[in-house]
Amino acid sequence: MDPGIIVLGAIFSVAAFLLWWSFARARASRRKMLEAGFVACDQEAPALLHALDDVAGGYPPTPRREYQIGQCFKRPGGFGMVYRIGVVDRTNAKPDVSSDRAPMGARFDVYLIDLRDAERVSHGPVSVFLAPRAPAPLQRVLAGLVKSDPHGVLLEIDDPIRAKWFLAAFSDRAGKLDERLPIETQERLSKGAELYFLAAHFGAGKLALFGQHDRVDIDRQLAYVAEWT
C-alpha cells in the first residue's frame, strides 16, 4: 500500500478520535451539570454576555475583551445565582481571509457568581491570573504571556509567597494587589489552580472564574465555587 495513503488514513483516524473525544467530554460535562441541579439557560445568553463584559471585559487603557457566549447552565447558589457558561475569547483571534468562517478563539468554562459581600471580598475591580503548579521557568514564561496581553493596569505583588500563587494581576489604576484583594481572598484564590481555574475577575458585585474547557471533574469545582457564594 502507498505510504502516503497510510499516513493520510492515520491522520484522519486521529482527527476522528479527537472529535469523538471532544464530544464525549462535552456530553459527560453536561450530564454532570444536570445531575448537580443546574438547568439550561441559553435564552439568557445576551444578558450574561453583558454581565461578563462588566466583570471580565478589561480596564482602560487596554482594549475591551471580545467574548462569545455558548451553552449556559444555572442554579441558585448562596446570595443569588451561579452560572456556568461556555465562553470563547475572540479578542486576539485572527480572521481567515480565505474562509467565511468566524475566527477561532480561546475556549473556557466560566462560573459567574453573585457575591454576597462584594466589598469585603474585593476592594474594587481586579483581574487575577492563577499560577499553575509548574516549574518556576514555565511559570515565568506563562507570566510573560499574560502580561503581553494585559487586561488593564498591572498591579504590584510584593509578597514573595503570594507572588508564586499568581502570574499577574490587573485593575483600572496602578497600585498593589494587597490594596485590592484581602489576604483571605488571595488565599482562597490560590486553591483554584489545582481545580483547573486559570483566572478570576472581580467587579460589579460578581466573580467570574475562568476554567479550562470541558473539565469533567465538576464536583470539586462546584465545592470550590460554593466557598464564594
Protein backbone atom coordinates (compact mmCIF):
# COMPACT_ATOMS: atom_id res chain seq x y z
CA MET A 1 0.00 0.00 0.00
CA ASP A 2 1.14 3.52 -0.78
CA PRO A 3 2.81 5.00 2.35
CA GLY A 4 1.10 8.32 1.60
CA ILE A 5 -2.32 6.67 1.85
CA ILE A 6 -1.32 5.04 5.15
CA VAL A 7 -0.20 8.40 6.59
CA LEU A 8 -3.38 10.12 5.36
CA GLY A 9 -5.52 7.37 6.87
CA ALA A 10 -3.70 7.71 10.17
CA ILE A 11 -4.26 11.47 10.20
CA PHE A 12 -7.99 11.05 9.56
CA SER A 13 -8.19 8.39 12.27
CA VAL A 14 -6.53 10.64 14.83
CA ALA A 15 -8.77 13.56 13.83
CA ALA A 16 -11.87 11.37 14.16
CA PHE A 17 -10.76 10.15 17.58
CA LEU A 18 -10.11 13.69 18.82
CA LEU A 19 -13.54 14.80 17.57
CA TRP A 20 -15.21 11.86 19.30
CA TRP A 21 -13.24 12.53 22.49
CA SER A 22 -14.30 16.19 22.47
CA PHE A 23 -17.98 15.32 22.04
CA ALA A 24 -17.75 12.63 24.73
CA ARG A 25 -16.26 15.09 27.23
CA ALA A 26 -18.91 17.67 26.38
CA ARG A 27 -21.71 15.12 26.94
CA ALA A 28 -20.15 13.99 30.23
CA SER A 29 -19.82 17.61 31.37
CA ARG A 30 -23.46 18.38 30.51
CA ARG A 31 -24.65 15.25 32.33
CA LYS A 32 -22.74 16.21 35.47
CA MET A 33 -24.16 19.73 35.40
CA LEU A 34 -27.73 18.40 35.20
CA GLU A 35 -27.05 15.88 37.96
CA ALA A 36 -25.77 18.76 40.13
CA GLY A 37 -29.10 20.57 39.82
CA PHE A 38 -28.26 23.01 37.03
CA VAL A 39 -30.73 23.80 34.26
CA ALA A 40 -30.05 25.08 30.76
CA CYS A 41 -30.45 28.85 30.34
CA ASP A 42 -29.31 29.57 26.79
CA GLN A 43 -32.07 32.19 26.45
CA GLU A 44 -30.19 34.35 28.97
CA ALA A 45 -27.06 34.48 26.80
CA PRO A 46 -27.41 38.18 25.77
CA ALA A 47 -27.79 39.32 29.39
CA LEU A 48 -24.94 37.06 30.51
CA LEU A 49 -22.66 38.44 27.80
CA HIS A 50 -23.34 41.94 29.08
CA ALA A 51 -22.67 40.86 32.68
CA LEU A 52 -19.46 39.08 31.66
CA ASP A 53 -18.26 42.20 29.86
CA ASP A 54 -18.87 44.25 33.02
CA VAL A 55 -16.84 41.82 35.14
CA ALA A 56 -14.12 40.49 32.82
CA GLY A 57 -14.04 42.91 29.90
CA GLY A 58 -10.77 44.52 30.96
CA TYR A 59 -9.90 48.05 32.09
CA PRO A 60 -8.62 51.14 30.25
CA PRO A 61 -6.30 51.85 28.60
CA THR A 62 -6.31 48.30 27.17
CA PRO A 63 -8.94 47.35 24.55
CA ARG A 64 -12.11 45.66 25.74
CA ARG A 65 -12.18 41.88 25.52
CA GLU A 66 -14.41 40.34 22.88
CA TYR A 67 -16.35 37.34 24.19
CA GLN A 68 -18.84 34.96 22.66
CA ILE A 69 -21.29 33.02 24.81
CA GLY A 70 -22.00 29.33 24.25
CA GLN A 71 -24.04 26.88 26.30
CA CYS A 72 -25.32 28.20 29.65
CA PHE A 73 -26.43 26.48 32.84
CA LYS A 74 -27.65 27.95 36.13
CA ARG A 75 -28.81 27.08 39.63
CA PRO A 76 -29.48 29.04 42.81
CA GLY A 77 -26.40 29.46 44.96
CA GLY A 78 -25.96 31.42 48.16
CA PHE A 79 -26.82 35.09 47.69
CA GLY A 80 -28.01 34.77 44.08
CA MET A 81 -27.40 32.59 41.04
CA VAL A 82 -24.44 30.54 39.92
CA TYR A 83 -23.99 30.34 36.15
CA ARG A 84 -21.70 28.05 34.22
CA ILE A 85 -21.11 29.39 30.74
CA GLY A 86 -19.15 28.21 27.74
CA VAL A 87 -17.13 31.23 26.63
CA VAL A 88 -14.90 31.94 23.65
CA ASP A 89 -12.44 34.83 23.92
CA ARG A 90 -12.09 36.20 20.38
CA THR A 91 -10.06 39.25 21.39
CA ASN A 92 -6.91 38.09 19.63
CA ALA A 93 -8.48 35.69 17.11
CA LYS A 94 -7.13 36.26 13.63
CA PRO A 95 -9.69 36.19 10.79
CA ASP A 96 -9.01 33.77 7.95
CA VAL A 97 -9.27 35.83 4.77
CA SER A 98 -9.59 32.65 2.70
CA SER A 99 -12.67 31.45 4.60
CA ASP A 100 -16.09 32.75 5.60
CA ARG A 101 -15.84 31.00 8.96
CA ALA A 102 -15.60 33.09 12.12
CA PRO A 103 -12.11 33.15 13.65
CA MET A 104 -11.42 30.70 16.44
CA GLY A 105 -10.59 31.86 19.93
CA ALA A 106 -9.59 30.50 23.32
CA ARG A 107 -12.37 28.45 24.95
CA PHE A 108 -13.20 28.46 28.65
CA ASP A 109 -15.86 27.27 31.06
CA VAL A 110 -16.75 30.25 33.22
CA TYR A 111 -18.55 30.28 36.57
CA LEU A 112 -20.31 33.63 37.06
CA ILE A 113 -21.20 34.13 40.72
CA ASP A 114 -23.17 36.75 42.64
CA LEU A 115 -21.05 37.70 45.66
CA ARG A 116 -22.81 38.13 49.00
CA ASP A 117 -20.39 40.78 50.33
CA ALA A 118 -18.55 42.00 47.27
CA GLU A 119 -16.87 44.97 49.01
CA ARG A 120 -15.34 42.68 51.61
CA VAL A 121 -14.09 40.18 49.03
CA SER A 122 -12.62 42.76 46.65
CA HIS A 123 -11.85 46.46 47.10
CA GLY A 124 -12.71 47.47 43.55
CA PRO A 125 -12.39 45.73 40.18
CA VAL A 126 -9.45 43.39 39.71
CA SER A 127 -8.42 40.52 37.43
CA VAL A 128 -6.03 37.86 38.74
CA PHE A 129 -4.37 35.11 36.69
CA LEU A 130 -3.58 32.00 38.69
CA ALA A 131 -0.21 30.29 38.54
CA PRO A 132 -0.44 26.57 37.73
CA ARG A 133 1.52 24.03 39.72
CA ALA A 134 4.52 24.02 37.39
CA PRO A 135 8.30 24.57 37.47
CA ALA A 136 9.39 28.16 38.02
CA PRO A 137 10.81 28.60 34.47
CA LEU A 138 7.46 27.61 32.96
CA GLN A 139 5.61 29.94 35.31
CA ARG A 140 7.84 32.82 34.22
CA VAL A 141 7.06 32.08 30.57
CA LEU A 142 3.32 31.97 31.30
CA ALA A 143 3.52 35.20 33.30
CA GLY A 144 5.23 36.86 30.34
CA LEU A 145 2.45 35.72 28.01
CA VAL A 146 -0.26 37.06 30.34
CA LYS A 147 1.47 40.41 30.72
CA SER A 148 1.89 40.69 26.94
CA ASP A 149 -1.92 40.71 26.62
CA PRO A 150 -2.90 42.84 29.64
CA HIS A 151 -6.42 43.22 30.99
CA GLY A 152 -5.67 46.66 32.41
CA VAL A 153 -3.02 48.33 34.56
CA LEU A 154 -0.57 45.84 36.07
CA LEU A 155 -0.69 45.60 39.87
CA GLU A 156 2.35 45.02 42.06
CA ILE A 157 2.56 41.75 44.00
CA ASP A 158 5.08 42.41 46.75
CA ASP A 159 4.84 39.35 48.96
CA PRO A 160 7.24 36.65 47.64
CA ILE A 161 4.97 33.80 48.71
CA ARG A 162 1.83 35.22 47.12
CA ALA A 163 3.83 36.14 44.03
CA LYS A 164 4.15 32.38 43.44
CA TRP A 165 0.37 31.98 43.54
CA PHE A 166 -0.39 34.38 40.69
CA LEU A 167 1.04 35.04 37.23
CA ALA A 168 -0.21 38.64 37.16
CA ALA A 169 -3.00 40.91 38.37
CA PHE A 170 -4.63 43.91 36.69
CA SER A 171 -7.01 46.69 37.65
CA ASP A 172 -8.28 50.07 36.48
CA ARG A 173 -5.44 52.00 38.12
CA ALA A 174 -1.93 51.41 39.42
CA GLY A 175 -1.34 50.03 42.89
CA LYS A 176 -0.69 46.85 44.82
CA LEU A 177 -2.69 43.64 44.77
CA ASP A 178 -2.90 43.74 48.58
CA GLU A 179 -4.79 47.04 48.27
CA ARG A 180 -7.43 45.40 46.07
CA LEU A 181 -7.76 41.88 47.46
CA PRO A 182 -7.67 40.99 51.17
CA ILE A 183 -5.25 38.23 52.13
CA GLU A 184 -8.18 35.90 52.81
CA THR A 185 -9.41 36.35 49.23
CA GLN A 186 -5.93 35.74 47.84
CA GLU A 187 -5.52 32.57 49.88
CA ARG A 188 -8.85 31.23 48.64
CA LEU A 189 -7.94 32.08 45.05
CA SER A 190 -4.64 30.22 45.32
CA LYS A 191 -6.53 26.92 45.66
CA GLY A 192 -8.27 27.45 42.33
CA ALA A 193 -5.29 26.49 40.18
CA GLU A 194 -5.45 22.91 41.47
CA LEU A 195 -9.02 22.74 40.11
CA TYR A 196 -8.03 23.93 36.62
CA PHE A 197 -9.13 27.53 37.11
CA LEU A 198 -6.99 29.97 35.16
CA ALA A 199 -8.22 33.44 36.10
CA ALA A 200 -10.58 35.26 38.45
CA HIS A 201 -12.26 38.58 37.66
CA PHE A 202 -13.98 40.68 40.33
CA GLY A 203 -16.36 43.54 39.54
CA ALA A 204 -19.95 44.76 39.51
CA GLY A 205 -20.72 42.67 42.60
CA LYS A 206 -19.77 39.44 40.85
CA LEU A 207 -16.92 36.98 40.40
CA ALA A 208 -16.11 35.31 37.09
CA LEU A 209 -13.90 32.21 37.41
CA PHE A 210 -12.39 31.17 34.08
CA GLY A 211 -11.55 27.46 33.91
CA GLN A 212 -10.23 25.03 31.35
CA HIS A 213 -12.83 23.96 28.81
CA ASP A 214 -14.80 20.73 29.32
CA ARG A 215 -13.22 19.50 32.51
CA VAL A 216 -15.31 16.62 33.84
CA ASP A 217 -14.21 16.80 37.49
CA ILE A 218 -17.06 19.24 38.12
CA ASP A 219 -17.90 18.10 41.66
CA ARG A 220 -14.66 19.51 43.09
CA GLN A 221 -15.08 22.72 41.13
CA LEU A 222 -18.63 23.19 42.45
CA ALA A 223 -17.44 22.66 46.02
CA TYR A 224 -14.87 25.42 45.44
CA VAL A 225 -17.43 27.72 43.82
CA ALA A 226 -19.69 27.24 46.87
CA GLU A 227 -16.98 28.85 49.01
CA TRP A 228 -17.64 32.12 47.19
CA THR A 229 -21.44 32.17 47.41
